[in-house]
Amino acid sequence: MALKVILSSTLRRYVRDYDPVEGMSVQVAKGTSIKELLRVLGIPEKDIKIAMVNGIRTNLDAILEGNERVGLFPAVGGG
């Protein structure tokens, strides 16, 4: 199944040739969790602070159904 994956900020370093404007299309098996998607992408779970599916915040155990937009965000610091 196809997913549109949007990586924010420092997460982009894990994916070679990532397009920050278009994001990326990823093919995974139906029933894949966000945790499994992270493994496919080579992104450590500890680097994810927020995961969203179709604009709704969810947890890393969420099961993906296909044709979804997955946004992944790291913790942000500053001051």
PDB file of N, CA and C in Angstrom:
ATOM      1  N   MET A   1       0.837  -1.175   0.000  1.00  0.00           N
ATOM      2  CA  MET A   1       0.000   0.000   0.000  1.00  0.00           C
ATOM      3  C   MET A   1       0.883   1.239   0.000  1.00  0.00           C
ATOM      4  N   ALA A   2       0.368   2.302  -0.529  1.00  0.00           N
ATOM      5  CA  ALA A   2       1.145   3.540  -0.643  1.00  0.00           C
ATOM      6  C   ALA A   2       0.815   4.495   0.498  1.00  0.00           C
ATOM      7  N   LEU A   3       1.845   5.167   0.975  1.00  0.00           N
ATOM      8  CA  LEU A   3       1.710   6.209   1.987  1.00  0.00           C
ATOM      9  C   LEU A   3       2.467   7.441   1.522  1.00  0.00           C
ATOM     10  N   LYS A   4       1.985   8.597   1.881  1.00  0.00           N
ATOM     11  CA  LYS A   4       2.731   9.839   1.678  1.00  0.00           C
ATOM     12  C   LYS A   4       3.338  10.180   3.032  1.00  0.00           C
ATOM     13  N   VAL A   5       4.650  10.291   3.098  1.00  0.00           N
ATOM     14  CA  VAL A   5       5.338  10.547   4.361  1.00  0.00           C
ATOM     15  C   VAL A   5       5.979  11.929   4.315  1.00  0.00           C
ATOM     16  N   ILE A   6       5.694  12.705   5.350  1.00  0.00           N
ATOM     17  CA  ILE A   6       6.255  14.038   5.494  1.00  0.00           C
ATOM     18  C   ILE A   6       7.156  14.030   6.727  1.00  0.00           C
ATOM     19  N   LEU A   7       8.419  14.339   6.532  1.00  0.00           N
ATOM     20  CA  LEU A   7       9.382  14.384   7.633  1.00  0.00           C
ATOM     21  C   LEU A   7       9.694  15.833   7.963  1.00  0.00           C
ATOM     22  N   SER A   8       9.660  16.145   9.220  1.00  0.00           N
ATOM     23  CA  SER A   8       9.931  17.506   9.652  1.00  0.00           C
ATOM     24  C   SER A   8      11.359  17.648  10.163  1.00  0.00           C
ATOM     25  N   SER A   9      11.912  18.793   9.920  1.00  0.00           N
ATOM     26  CA  SER A   9      13.153  19.228  10.555  1.00  0.00           C
ATOM     27  C   SER A   9      14.288  18.211  10.456  1.00  0.00           C
ATOM     28  N   THR A  10      14.851  17.858  11.598  1.00  0.00           N
ATOM     29  CA  THR A  10      16.044  17.004  11.646  1.00  0.00           C
ATOM     30  C   THR A  10      15.794  15.567  11.209  1.00  0.00           C
ATOM     31  N   LEU A  11      14.548  15.144  11.104  1.00  0.00           N
ATOM     32  CA  LEU A  11      14.257  13.772  10.665  1.00  0.00           C
ATOM     33  C   LEU A  11      14.628  13.565   9.200  1.00  0.00           C
ATOM     34  N   ARG A  12      14.705  14.624   8.452  1.00  0.00           N
ATOM     35  CA  ARG A  12      15.014  14.531   7.021  1.00  0.00           C
ATOM     36  C   ARG A  12      16.397  13.959   6.757  1.00  0.00           C
ATOM     37  N   ARG A  13      17.277  14.061   7.729  1.00  0.00           N
ATOM     38  CA  ARG A  13      18.652  13.576   7.528  1.00  0.00           C
ATOM     39  C   ARG A  13      18.717  12.058   7.370  1.00  0.00           C
ATOM     40  N   TYR A  14      17.685  11.356   7.802  1.00  0.00           N
ATOM     41  CA  TYR A  14      17.683   9.895   7.718  1.00  0.00           C
ATOM     42  C   TYR A  14      17.353   9.365   6.322  1.00  0.00           C
ATOM     43  N   VAL A  15      16.776  10.209   5.474  1.00  0.00           N
ATOM     44  CA  VAL A  15      16.341   9.754   4.151  1.00  0.00           C
ATOM     45  C   VAL A  15      17.105  10.517   3.075  1.00  0.00           C
ATOM     46  N   ARG A  16      17.911   9.796   2.356  1.00  0.00           N
ATOM     47  CA  ARG A  16      18.702  10.404   1.289  1.00  0.00           C
ATOM     48  C   ARG A  16      17.788  10.971   0.205  1.00  0.00           C
ATOM     49  N   ASP A  17      18.111  12.133  -0.288  1.00  0.00           N
ATOM     50  CA  ASP A  17      17.368  12.806  -1.359  1.00  0.00           C
ATOM     51  C   ASP A  17      15.916  13.108  -0.985  1.00  0.00           C
ATOM     52  N   TYR A  18      15.638  13.285   0.302  1.00  0.00           N
ATOM     53  CA  TYR A  18      14.279  13.630   0.736  1.00  0.00           C
ATOM     54  C   TYR A  18      13.895  14.992   0.168  1.00  0.00           C
ATOM     55  N   ASP A  19      12.686  15.103  -0.371  1.00  0.00           N
ATOM     56  CA  ASP A  19      12.184  16.356  -0.928  1.00  0.00           C
ATOM     57  C   ASP A  19      11.285  17.033   0.111  1.00  0.00           C
ATOM     58  N   PRO A  20      11.747  18.112   0.749  1.00  0.00           N
ATOM     59  CA  PRO A  20      10.954  18.748   1.802  1.00  0.00           C
ATOM     60  C   PRO A  20       9.665  19.396   1.305  1.00  0.00           C
ATOM     61  N   VAL A  21       9.552  19.637   0.020  1.00  0.00           N
ATOM     62  CA  VAL A  21       8.330  20.222  -0.528  1.00  0.00           C
ATOM     63  C   VAL A  21       7.293  19.137  -0.812  1.00  0.00           C
ATOM     64  N   GLU A  22       7.720  18.050  -1.434  1.00  0.00           N
ATOM     65  CA  GLU A  22       6.807  16.983  -1.846  1.00  0.00           C
ATOM     66  C   GLU A  22       6.682  15.843  -0.841  1.00  0.00           C
ATOM     67  N   GLY A  23       7.626  15.739   0.086  1.00  0.00           N
ATOM     68  CA  GLY A  23       7.631  14.577   0.970  1.00  0.00           C
ATOM     69  C   GLY A  23       8.097  13.364   0.188  1.00  0.00           C
ATOM     70  N   MET A  24       7.617  12.198   0.573  1.00  0.00           N
ATOM     71  CA  MET A  24       8.018  10.986  -0.134  1.00  0.00           C
ATOM     72  C   MET A  24       6.884   9.976  -0.138  1.00  0.00           C
ATOM     73  N   SER A  25       6.870   9.140  -1.153  1.00  0.00           N
ATOM     74  CA  SER A  25       5.912   8.046  -1.241  1.00  0.00           C
ATOM     75  C   SER A  25       6.619   6.777  -0.789  1.00  0.00           C
ATOM     76  N   VAL A  26       5.950   6.016   0.076  1.00  0.00           N
ATOM     77  CA  VAL A  26       6.525   4.786   0.611  1.00  0.00           C
ATOM     78  C   VAL A  26       5.518   3.660   0.430  1.00  0.00           C
ATOM     79  N   GLN A  27       5.991   2.510  -0.030  1.00  0.00           N
ATOM     80  CA  GLN A  27       5.155   1.316  -0.166  1.00  0.00           C
ATOM     81  C   GLN A  27       5.422   0.391   1.012  1.00  0.00           C
ATOM     82  N   VAL A  28       4.369   0.040   1.742  1.00  0.00           N
ATOM     83  CA  VAL A  28       4.472  -0.911   2.849  1.00  0.00           C
ATOM     84  C   VAL A  28       3.269  -1.850   2.792  1.00  0.00           C
ATOM     85  N   ALA A  29       3.342  -2.936   3.543  1.00  0.00           N
ATOM     86  CA  ALA A  29       2.234  -3.895   3.590  1.00  0.00           C
ATOM     87  C   ALA A  29       1.061  -3.303   4.369  1.00  0.00           C
ATOM     88  N   LYS A  30      -0.154  -3.641   3.962  1.00  0.00           N
ATOM     89  CA  LYS A  30      -1.340  -3.206   4.693  1.00  0.00           C
ATOM     90  C   LYS A  30      -1.243  -3.734   6.117  1.00  0.00           C
ATOM     91  N   GLY A  31      -1.620  -2.909   7.080  1.00  0.00           N
ATOM     92  CA  GLY A  31      -1.539  -3.306   8.478  1.00  0.00           C
ATOM     93  C   GLY A  31      -0.221  -2.957   9.142  1.00  0.00           C
ATOM     94  N   THR A  32       0.642  -2.257   8.422  1.00  0.00           N
ATOM     95  CA  THR A  32       1.921  -1.810   8.976  1.00  0.00           C
ATOM     96  C   THR A  32       1.661  -0.736  10.036  1.00  0.00           C
ATOM     97  N   SER A  33       2.389  -0.799  11.133  1.00  0.00           N
ATOM     98  CA  SER A  33       2.270   0.235  12.171  1.00  0.00           C
ATOM     99  C   SER A  33       3.252   1.373  11.869  1.00  0.00           C
ATOM    100  N   ILE A  34       3.063   2.468  12.549  1.00  0.00           N
ATOM    101  CA  ILE A  34       4.003   3.573  12.390  1.00  0.00           C
ATOM    102  C   ILE A  34       5.387   3.152  12.872  1.00  0.00           C
ATOM    103  N   LYS A  35       5.464   2.356  13.938  1.00  0.00           N
ATOM    104  CA  LYS A  35       6.760   1.847  14.407  1.00  0.00           C
ATOM    105  C   LYS A  35       7.467   1.068  13.301  1.00  0.00           C
ATOM    106  N   GLU A  36       6.718   0.224  12.601  1.00  0.00           N
ATOM    107  CA  GLU A  36       7.312  -0.553  11.508  1.00  0.00           C
ATOM    108  C   GLU A  36       7.739   0.354  10.367  1.00  0.00           C
ATOM    109  N   LEU A  37       6.960   1.377  10.084  1.00  0.00           N
ATOM    110  CA  LEU A  37       7.329   2.355   9.058  1.00  0.00           C
ATOM    111  C   LEU A  37       8.647   3.030   9.423  1.00  0.00           C
ATOM    112  N   LEU A  38       8.817   3.363  10.695  1.00  0.00           N
ATOM    113  CA  LEU A  38      10.068   3.982  11.139  1.00  0.00           C
ATOM    114  C   LEU A  38      11.252   3.062  10.874  1.00  0.00           C
ATOM    115  N   ARG A  39      11.075   1.768  11.118  1.00  0.00           N
ATOM    116  CA  ARG A  39      12.160   0.808  10.854  1.00  0.00           C
ATOM    117  C   ARG A  39      12.501   0.778   9.366  1.00  0.00           C
ATOM    118  N   VAL A  40      11.471   0.793   8.523  1.00  0.00           N
ATOM    119  CA  VAL A  40      11.685   0.799   7.068  1.00  0.00           C
ATOM    120  C   VAL A  40      12.484   2.034   6.653  1.00  0.00           C
ATOM    121  N   LEU A  41      12.169   3.163   7.259  1.00  0.00           N
ATOM    122  CA  LEU A  41      12.832   4.425   6.912  1.00  0.00           C
ATOM    123  C   LEU A  41      14.186   4.600   7.598  1.00  0.00           C
ATOM    124  N   GLY A  42      14.472   3.766   8.594  1.00  0.00           N
ATOM    125  CA  GLY A  42      15.733   3.890   9.323  1.00  0.00           C
ATOM    126  C   GLY A  42      15.744   5.031  10.324  1.00  0.00           C
ATOM    127  N   ILE A  43      14.569   5.382  10.835  1.00  0.00           N
ATOM    128  CA  ILE A  43      14.456   6.470  11.801  1.00  0.00           C
ATOM    129  C   ILE A  43      14.248   5.872  13.194  1.00  0.00           C
ATOM    130  N   PRO A  44      15.104   6.203  14.159  1.00  0.00           N
ATOM    131  CA  PRO A  44      14.932   5.681  15.519  1.00  0.00           C
ATOM    132  C   PRO A  44      13.644   6.201  16.170  1.00  0.00           C
ATOM    133  N   GLU A  45      12.925   5.310  16.843  1.00  0.00           N
ATOM    134  CA  GLU A  45      11.691   5.701  17.540  1.00  0.00           C
ATOM    135  C   GLU A  45      11.923   6.860  18.496  1.00  0.00           C
ATOM    136  N   LYS A  46      13.066   6.855  19.167  1.00  0.00           N
ATOM    137  CA  LYS A  46      13.351   7.885  20.176  1.00  0.00           C
ATOM    138  C   LYS A  46      13.400   9.287  19.583  1.00  0.00           C
ATOM    139  N   ASP A  47      13.565   9.390  18.271  1.00  0.00           N
ATOM    140  CA  ASP A  47      13.639  10.695  17.621  1.00  0.00           C
ATOM    141  C   ASP A  47      12.265  11.275  17.279  1.00  0.00           C
ATOM    142  N   ILE A  48      11.206  10.491  17.468  1.00  0.00           N
ATOM    143  CA  ILE A  48       9.860  10.944  17.116  1.00  0.00           C
ATOM    144  C   ILE A  48       9.135  11.450  18.352  1.00  0.00           C
ATOM    145  N   LYS A  49       8.699  12.688  18.310  1.00  0.00           N
ATOM    146  CA  LYS A  49       7.908  13.268  19.401  1.00  0.00           C
ATOM    147  C   LYS A  49       6.422  13.246  19.060  1.00  0.00           C
ATOM    148  N   ILE A  50       6.099  13.523  17.794  1.00  0.00           N
ATOM    149  CA  ILE A  50       4.703  13.561  17.357  1.00  0.00           C
ATOM    150  C   ILE A  50       4.570  12.806  16.039  1.00  0.00           C
ATOM    151  N   ALA A  51       3.529  11.971  15.968  1.00  0.00           N
ATOM    152  CA  ALA A  51       3.169  11.288  14.722  1.00  0.00           C
ATOM    153  C   ALA A  51       1.725  11.663  14.397  1.00  0.00           C
ATOM    154  N   MET A  52       1.484  11.968  13.129  1.00  0.00           N
ATOM    155  CA  MET A  52       0.132  12.321  12.698  1.00  0.00           C
ATOM    156  C   MET A  52      -0.236  11.500  11.470  1.00  0.00           C
ATOM    157  N   VAL A  53      -1.500  11.103  11.404  1.00  0.00           N
ATOM    158  CA  VAL A  53      -2.025  10.413  10.233  1.00  0.00           C
ATOM    159  C   VAL A  53      -3.216  11.227   9.739  1.00  0.00           C
ATOM    160  N   ASN A  54      -3.119  11.690   8.503  1.00  0.00           N
ATOM    161  CA  ASN A  54      -4.157  12.535   7.911  1.00  0.00           C
ATOM    162  C   ASN A  54      -4.508  13.724   8.809  1.00  0.00           C
ATOM    163  N   GLY A  55      -3.473  14.317   9.420  1.00  0.00           N
ATOM    164  CA  GLY A  55      -3.662  15.519  10.217  1.00  0.00           C
ATOM    165  C   GLY A  55      -4.131  15.297  11.643  1.00  0.00           C
ATOM    166  N   ILE A  56      -4.248  14.033  12.060  1.00  0.00           N
ATOM    167  CA  ILE A  56      -4.702  13.718  13.416  1.00  0.00           C
ATOM    168  C   ILE A  56      -3.569  13.061  14.188  1.00  0.00           C
ATOM    169  N   ARG A  57      -3.269  13.606  15.366  1.00  0.00           N
ATOM    170  CA  ARG A  57      -2.187  13.052  16.183  1.00  0.00           C
ATOM    171  C   ARG A  57      -2.532  11.629  16.617  1.00  0.00           C
ATOM    172  N   THR A  58      -1.524  10.762  16.567  1.00  0.00           N
ATOM    173  CA  THR A  58      -1.720   9.365  16.932  1.00  0.00           C
ATOM    174  C   THR A  58      -0.466   8.844  17.615  1.00  0.00           C
ATOM    175  N   ASN A  59      -0.479   7.582  18.010  1.00  0.00           N
ATOM    176  CA  ASN A  59       0.699   6.995  18.651  1.00  0.00           C
ATOM    177  C   ASN A  59       1.447   6.107  17.659  1.00  0.00           C
ATOM    178  N   LEU A  60       2.615   5.670  18.046  1.00  0.00           N
ATOM    179  CA  LEU A  60       3.460   4.898  17.135  1.00  0.00           C
ATOM    180  C   LEU A  60       2.956   3.480  16.888  1.00  0.00           C
ATOM    181  N   ASP A  61       1.994   3.033  17.685  1.00  0.00           N
ATOM    182  CA  ASP A  61       1.409   1.706  17.474  1.00  0.00           C
ATOM    183  C   ASP A  61       0.245   1.732  16.492  1.00  0.00           C
ATOM    184  N   ALA A  62      -0.135   2.907  16.026  1.00  0.00           N
ATOM    185  CA  ALA A  62      -1.263   3.030  15.102  1.00  0.00           C
ATOM    186  C   ALA A  62      -1.010   2.206  13.843  1.00  0.00           C
ATOM    187  N   ILE A  63      -2.058   1.533  13.383  1.00  0.00           N
ATOM    188  CA  ILE A  63      -1.989   0.699  12.180  1.00  0.00           C
ATOM    189  C   ILE A  63      -2.418   1.533  10.978  1.00  0.00           C
ATOM    190  N   LEU A  64      -1.624   1.458   9.919  1.00  0.00           N
ATOM    191  CA  LEU A  64      -1.887   2.223   8.699  1.00  0.00           C
ATOM    192  C   LEU A  64      -2.703   1.387   7.720  1.00  0.00           C
ATOM    193  N   GLU A  65      -3.645   2.036   7.051  1.00  0.00           N
ATOM    194  CA  GLU A  65      -4.554   1.344   6.136  1.00  0.00           C
ATOM    195  C   GLU A  65      -4.237   1.580   4.661  1.00  0.00           C
ATOM    196  N   GLY A  66      -3.408   2.566   4.366  1.00  0.00           N
ATOM    197  CA  GLY A  66      -3.058   2.866   2.976  1.00  0.00           C
ATOM    198  C   GLY A  66      -3.666   4.169   2.503  1.00  0.00           C
ATOM    199  N   ASN A  67      -3.028   4.771   1.515  1.00  0.00           N
ATOM    200  CA  ASN A  67      -3.456   6.060   0.966  1.00  0.00           C
ATOM    201  C   ASN A  67      -3.591   7.115   2.056  1.00  0.00           C
ATOM    202  N   GLU A  68      -2.677   7.088   3.012  1.00  0.00           N
ATOM    203  CA  GLU A  68      -2.698   8.048   4.105  1.00  0.00           C
ATOM    204  C   GLU A  68      -1.487   8.969   4.017  1.00  0.00           C
ATOM    205  N   ARG A  69      -1.617  10.083   4.700  1.00  0.00           N
ATOM    206  CA  ARG A  69      -0.521  11.046   4.807  1.00  0.00           C
ATOM    207  C   ARG A  69      -0.001  10.957   6.239  1.00  0.00           C
ATOM    208  N   VAL A  70       1.257  10.573   6.383  1.00  0.00           N
ATOM    209  CA  VAL A  70       1.869  10.393   7.696  1.00  0.00           C
ATOM    210  C   VAL A  70       2.886  11.507   7.914  1.00  0.00           C
ATOM    211  N   GLY A  71       2.690  12.271   8.973  1.00  0.00           N
ATOM    212  CA  GLY A  71       3.629  13.327   9.341  1.00  0.00           C
ATOM    213  C   GLY A  71       4.405  12.914  10.574  1.00  0.00           C
ATOM    214  N   LEU A  72       5.710  13.060  10.532  1.00  0.00           N
ATOM    215  CA  LEU A  72       6.574  12.690  11.651  1.00  0.00           C
ATOM    216  C   LEU A  72       7.379  13.909  12.080  1.00  0.00           C
ATOM    217  N   PHE A  73       7.391  14.162  13.400  1.00  0.00           N
ATOM    218  CA  PHE A  73       8.001  15.368  13.938  1.00  0.00           C
ATOM    219  C   PHE A  73       8.904  15.037  15.120  1.00  0.00           C
ATOM    220  N   PRO A  74      10.096  15.643  15.173  1.00  0.00           N
ATOM    221  CA  PRO A  74      10.991  15.444  16.316  1.00  0.00           C
ATOM    222  C   PRO A  74      10.625  16.408  17.449  1.00  0.00           C
ATOM    223  N   ALA A  75      11.247  16.204  18.599  1.00  0.00           N
ATOM    224  CA  ALA A  75      11.119  17.182  19.680  1.00  0.00           C
ATOM    225  C   ALA A  75      11.802  18.468  19.222  1.00  0.00           C
ATOM    226  N   VAL A  76      11.261  19.585  19.627  1.00  0.00           N
ATOM    227  CA  VAL A  76      11.816  20.876  19.234  1.00  0.00           C
ATOM    228  C   VAL A  76      12.263  21.605  20.493  1.00  0.00           C
ATOM    229  N   GLY A  77      13.450  22.167  20.439  1.00  0.00           N
ATOM    230  CA  GLY A  77      13.960  22.917  21.587  1.00  0.00           C
ATOM    231  C   GLY A  77      14.260  24.346  21.190  1.00  0.00           C
ATOM    232  N   GLY A  78      14.477  25.135  22.142  1.00  0.00           N
ATOM    233  CA  GLY A  78      14.811  26.526  21.859  1.00  0.00           C
ATOM    234  C   GLY A  78      14.621  27.362  23.111  1.00  0.00           C
ATOM    235  N   GLY A  79      14.801  28.616  22.924  1.00  0.00           N
ATOM    236  CA  GLY A  79      14.611  29.417  24.120  1.00  0.00           C
ATOM    237  C   GLY A  79      14.877  30.838  23.944  1.00  0.00           C
TER     238      GLY A  79
END
